[in-house]
Amino acid sequence: MEDLSFYIGVLGNVIAVLVLLSPAGTFWQIIKHKSTEDFESLPYICTLLNASLWTYYGITKPGEYLVATINGFGILVEAIYVTLFLIYAPSKQIRVRTYNINCKTAALVGILDVGFLATAILFTRLAFQGELRIDALGFICAGVNIIMYASPLSAMKTVVTTKSVEYMPFFLSFFLFLNGGIWAFYALLLGDIFLGVPSGAGFVLGTAQLVLYAIYRNSKPSKNVANAVEEGTQHEPLISPS
């Protein structure tokens, strides 16, 4: 059983690397255009927080080094993404607005990736010991992970509203499905409910997205496409590496 969980975890790491690198095309365009345009930084800031929490969880709980490994890689990748957001504020806007966008991103990084993370670590280190510390940290990680799935839900709503899958890329949906399924299976083998619940949620949402993709992939976009896009900012669907 331990050998099977190890191989499943390694496979999960490989898939999660693909998930983490999936926005690379978007950031290459940002670098080429020297502007973040209408893309939103919040999903990447949240993913950085999530990866940091799961890395701490993987280090704290015995036998979860594969979780720590992939999320440690996630910290590196998401930190690069967030840094690019800080560097490439929209170049065609006035300086005050550009400055505000940088401030907003920097403030969110400070609040979530520094403040919240430091509070979670100190709280679990000082208030709990042993299994209680692992359980408290697990609740925090699972809670943040589940909240993150608001992004895929938003993408699904856009597909139904516009009857178009243009803004829900197939491979991201497929990787959400595959990533969630692999890590849910890994969690089941280890009996880790904190990892299993959010991973299972990712698997269910990934399945739902693939079903929507199958339904609307040949549909002609409705007239609501432009309006739906204008109502919100552009961003890649937010997916956890574990």
Protein backbone atom coordinates (compact mmCIF):
# COMPACT_ATOMS: atom_id res chain seq x y z
CA MET A 1 0.00 0.00 0.00
CA GLU A 2 2.86 2.37 0.82
CA ASP A 3 4.49 1.66 -2.55
CA LEU A 4 1.20 2.35 -4.35
CA SER A 5 0.66 5.63 -2.49
CA PHE A 6 4.23 6.68 -3.35
CA TYR A 7 3.75 6.07 -7.08
CA ILE A 8 0.35 7.76 -7.04
CA GLY A 9 1.92 10.73 -5.24
CA VAL A 10 4.72 10.95 -7.81
CA LEU A 11 2.13 10.87 -10.61
CA GLY A 12 0.21 13.59 -8.77
CA ASN A 13 3.38 15.67 -8.62
CA VAL A 14 3.90 15.37 -12.37
CA ILE A 15 0.30 16.38 -13.12
CA ALA A 16 0.46 19.24 -10.62
CA VAL A 17 3.59 20.59 -12.33
CA LEU A 18 1.61 20.76 -15.58
CA VAL A 19 -1.21 22.53 -13.72
CA LEU A 20 1.17 25.08 -12.23
CA LEU A 21 2.85 25.75 -15.57
CA SER A 22 -0.43 25.98 -17.52
CA PRO A 23 -0.65 29.82 -17.21
CA ALA A 24 2.88 30.19 -18.66
CA GLY A 25 1.45 31.21 -22.05
CA THR A 26 -0.53 34.01 -20.42
CA PHE A 27 2.55 35.34 -18.64
CA TRP A 28 4.64 35.11 -21.79
CA GLN A 29 2.10 37.41 -23.44
CA ILE A 30 2.28 39.74 -20.43
CA ILE A 31 6.07 39.92 -20.77
CA LYS A 32 5.86 40.50 -24.55
CA HIS A 33 3.24 43.22 -24.20
CA LYS A 34 4.83 44.62 -21.02
CA SER A 35 1.36 44.89 -19.52
CA THR A 36 -0.94 42.74 -17.37
CA GLU A 37 -3.87 44.21 -19.36
CA ASP A 38 -7.15 43.06 -17.74
CA PHE A 39 -5.75 39.98 -16.03
CA GLU A 40 -6.36 39.75 -12.30
CA SER A 41 -3.59 39.00 -9.80
CA LEU A 42 -5.80 37.65 -6.99
CA PRO A 43 -5.98 34.03 -8.23
CA TYR A 44 -2.19 33.76 -8.27
CA ILE A 45 -1.82 35.45 -4.89
CA CYS A 46 -4.33 32.98 -3.43
CA THR A 47 -2.57 30.03 -5.07
CA LEU A 48 0.73 31.21 -3.56
CA LEU A 49 -0.91 31.26 -0.12
CA ASN A 50 -2.44 27.84 -0.70
CA ALA A 51 0.88 26.32 -1.84
CA SER A 52 2.65 27.83 1.19
CA LEU A 53 0.11 26.38 3.62
CA TRP A 54 0.22 22.92 2.04
CA THR A 55 4.03 22.99 2.07
CA TYR A 56 3.96 23.68 5.80
CA TYR A 57 1.37 20.91 6.23
CA GLY A 58 3.50 18.46 4.25
CA ILE A 59 6.56 19.30 6.35
CA THR A 60 4.63 19.05 9.62
CA LYS A 61 2.80 15.77 9.01
CA PRO A 62 4.99 12.65 8.83
CA GLY A 63 4.89 10.83 5.48
CA GLU A 64 3.52 13.78 3.49
CA TYR A 65 6.80 14.83 1.87
CA LEU A 66 5.33 14.47 -1.64
CA VAL A 67 2.74 17.11 -0.74
CA ALA A 68 5.50 19.38 0.55
CA THR A 69 7.62 18.81 -2.58
CA ILE A 70 5.05 19.80 -5.19
CA ASN A 71 3.72 22.72 -3.17
CA GLY A 72 7.27 23.94 -2.58
CA PHE A 73 7.61 24.05 -6.35
CA GLY A 74 4.25 25.81 -6.44
CA ILE A 75 5.60 28.55 -4.15
CA LEU A 76 8.44 29.19 -6.61
CA VAL A 77 6.19 29.30 -9.69
CA GLU A 78 3.44 31.42 -8.13
CA ALA A 79 6.00 33.83 -6.66
CA ILE A 80 7.30 34.41 -10.19
CA TYR A 81 3.76 34.99 -11.48
CA VAL A 82 2.98 37.48 -8.69
CA THR A 83 6.29 39.29 -9.24
CA LEU A 84 5.41 39.73 -12.92
CA PHE A 85 2.11 41.29 -11.88
CA LEU A 86 4.00 43.73 -9.68
CA ILE A 87 6.38 44.62 -12.54
CA TYR A 88 3.97 44.89 -15.47
CA ALA A 89 1.15 47.22 -14.46
CA PRO A 90 -1.02 48.35 -17.43
CA SER A 91 1.24 50.60 -19.50
CA LYS A 92 -1.51 52.52 -21.28
CA GLN A 93 -3.09 53.91 -18.15
CA ILE A 94 -2.21 57.03 -16.23
CA ARG A 95 0.45 56.82 -13.56
CA VAL A 96 -1.97 57.18 -10.65
CA ARG A 97 -4.02 54.18 -11.82
CA THR A 98 -0.89 52.13 -12.52
CA TYR A 99 0.42 52.98 -9.07
CA ASN A 100 -2.89 51.92 -7.51
CA ILE A 101 -2.82 48.57 -9.31
CA ASN A 102 0.68 47.90 -8.00
CA CYS A 103 -0.39 48.94 -4.51
CA LYS A 104 -3.43 46.67 -4.65
CA THR A 105 -1.33 43.66 -5.64
CA ALA A 106 1.36 44.47 -3.06
CA ALA A 107 -1.30 44.94 -0.35
CA LEU A 108 -2.93 41.59 -1.15
CA VAL A 109 0.47 39.87 -1.07
CA GLY A 110 1.19 41.47 2.31
CA ILE A 111 -2.21 40.57 3.78
CA LEU A 112 -2.57 37.03 2.42
CA ASP A 113 0.87 35.66 1.58
CA VAL A 114 2.66 37.28 4.52
CA GLY A 115 0.14 38.23 7.20
CA PHE A 116 -2.33 35.34 6.96
CA LEU A 117 0.42 32.76 6.39
CA ALA A 118 2.49 34.00 9.34
CA THR A 119 -0.60 34.05 11.57
CA ALA A 120 -1.54 30.49 10.59
CA ILE A 121 1.98 29.21 11.25
CA LEU A 122 2.33 31.00 14.59
CA PHE A 123 -1.17 30.00 15.69
CA THR A 124 -0.66 26.31 14.98
CA ARG A 125 2.89 26.31 16.42
CA LEU A 126 2.00 28.08 19.67
CA ALA A 127 -1.54 26.83 20.36
CA PHE A 128 -1.24 23.15 19.46
CA GLN A 129 1.13 20.23 19.62
CA GLY A 130 1.39 16.83 17.93
CA GLU A 131 -1.74 15.55 16.20
CA LEU A 132 -3.79 18.57 17.27
CA ARG A 133 -1.38 20.85 15.40
CA ILE A 134 -1.65 18.71 12.27
CA ASP A 135 -5.46 18.68 12.52
CA ALA A 136 -5.68 22.45 13.00
CA LEU A 137 -3.36 23.07 10.09
CA GLY A 138 -5.31 20.55 7.99
CA PHE A 139 -8.56 22.42 8.65
CA ILE A 140 -6.95 25.71 7.58
CA CYS A 141 -5.45 24.20 4.41
CA ALA A 142 -8.66 22.44 3.41
CA GLY A 143 -10.74 25.57 4.09
CA VAL A 144 -8.53 27.82 1.97
CA ASN A 145 -8.39 25.16 -0.77
CA ILE A 146 -12.18 24.85 -0.95
CA ILE A 147 -12.63 28.66 -1.05
CA MET A 148 -10.26 28.74 -4.02
CA TYR A 149 -12.73 26.74 -6.08
CA ALA A 150 -14.93 29.83 -6.43
CA SER A 151 -12.86 30.60 -9.54
CA PRO A 152 -13.81 27.42 -11.46
CA LEU A 153 -17.43 27.97 -10.43
CA SER A 154 -17.27 31.45 -11.97
CA ALA A 155 -15.86 29.99 -15.18
CA MET A 156 -18.69 27.45 -15.31
CA LYS A 157 -21.29 30.20 -14.84
CA THR A 158 -19.75 32.11 -17.77
CA VAL A 159 -19.99 29.01 -19.99
CA VAL A 160 -23.68 28.51 -19.19
CA THR A 161 -24.47 32.23 -19.59
CA THR A 162 -22.66 32.67 -22.90
CA LYS A 163 -23.13 29.12 -24.21
CA SER A 164 -19.44 29.25 -25.14
CA VAL A 165 -16.39 27.39 -23.81
CA GLU A 166 -14.01 30.06 -25.11
CA TYR A 167 -13.19 31.28 -21.60
CA MET A 168 -12.93 27.80 -20.04
CA PRO A 169 -9.91 26.16 -21.74
CA PHE A 170 -10.27 22.40 -22.15
CA PHE A 171 -6.83 21.45 -20.83
CA LEU A 172 -7.25 23.46 -17.63
CA SER A 173 -10.58 21.71 -17.01
CA PHE A 174 -9.01 18.36 -17.82
CA PHE A 175 -6.08 18.99 -15.47
CA LEU A 176 -8.47 20.07 -12.69
CA PHE A 177 -10.30 16.77 -13.16
CA LEU A 178 -7.11 14.70 -13.32
CA ASN A 179 -5.28 16.54 -10.55
CA GLY A 180 -8.24 16.35 -8.18
CA GLY A 181 -8.79 12.66 -8.89
CA ILE A 182 -5.15 11.65 -8.39
CA TRP A 183 -4.73 13.57 -5.13
CA ALA A 184 -8.10 12.36 -3.81
CA PHE A 185 -6.96 8.77 -4.46
CA TYR A 186 -3.60 9.50 -2.82
CA ALA A 187 -5.39 10.96 0.22
CA LEU A 188 -7.66 7.90 0.37
CA LEU A 189 -4.66 5.57 0.43
CA LEU A 190 -3.10 7.55 3.29
CA GLY A 191 -6.39 8.15 5.11
CA ASP A 192 -5.84 11.92 4.96
CA ILE A 193 -9.26 13.58 5.08
CA PHE A 194 -7.84 17.11 4.98
CA LEU A 195 -6.16 16.48 1.64
CA GLY A 196 -8.98 14.27 0.38
CA VAL A 197 -11.93 16.66 0.81
CA PRO A 198 -10.60 19.60 -1.28
CA SER A 199 -9.06 17.22 -3.83
CA GLY A 200 -12.38 15.43 -4.13
CA ALA A 201 -14.10 18.79 -4.62
CA GLY A 202 -11.61 19.56 -7.40
CA PHE A 203 -12.35 16.22 -9.03
CA VAL A 204 -16.12 16.85 -8.94
CA LEU A 205 -15.72 20.39 -10.33
CA GLY A 206 -13.34 19.14 -13.02
CA THR A 207 -15.88 16.48 -14.02
CA ALA A 208 -18.64 19.11 -14.17
CA GLN A 209 -16.46 21.36 -16.35
CA LEU A 210 -15.75 18.51 -18.78
CA VAL A 211 -19.48 17.78 -18.98
CA LEU A 212 -20.16 21.46 -19.75
CA TYR A 213 -17.39 21.43 -22.33
CA ALA A 214 -18.98 18.41 -24.04
CA ILE A 215 -22.38 20.15 -24.07
CA TYR A 216 -21.25 23.56 -25.35
CA ARG A 217 -18.11 22.84 -27.37
CA ASN A 218 -19.96 23.04 -30.71
CA SER A 219 -22.38 25.78 -29.66
CA LYS A 220 -22.23 29.21 -31.23
CA PRO A 221 -21.49 31.91 -28.64
CA SER A 222 -24.54 33.92 -27.65
CA LYS A 223 -24.70 37.71 -27.82
CA ASN A 224 -24.01 37.75 -24.09
CA VAL A 225 -20.35 36.74 -24.53
CA ALA A 226 -18.99 40.28 -24.73
CA ASN A 227 -21.17 41.47 -21.87
CA ALA A 228 -20.19 38.53 -19.67
CA VAL A 229 -16.51 39.17 -20.25
CA GLU A 230 -16.84 42.91 -19.67
CA GLU A 231 -18.56 42.31 -16.32
CA GLY A 232 -15.43 40.76 -14.82
CA THR A 233 -11.69 40.75 -15.22
CA GLN A 234 -9.78 38.15 -17.16
CA HIS A 235 -7.80 35.50 -15.34
CA GLU A 236 -6.83 31.87 -15.55
CA PRO A 237 -8.99 29.48 -13.50
CA LEU A 238 -7.43 29.04 -10.09
CA ILE A 239 -6.30 25.48 -9.36
CA SER A 240 -4.49 24.04 -6.38
CA PRO A 241 -1.39 21.89 -6.99
CA SER A 242 -2.63 19.36 -4.45
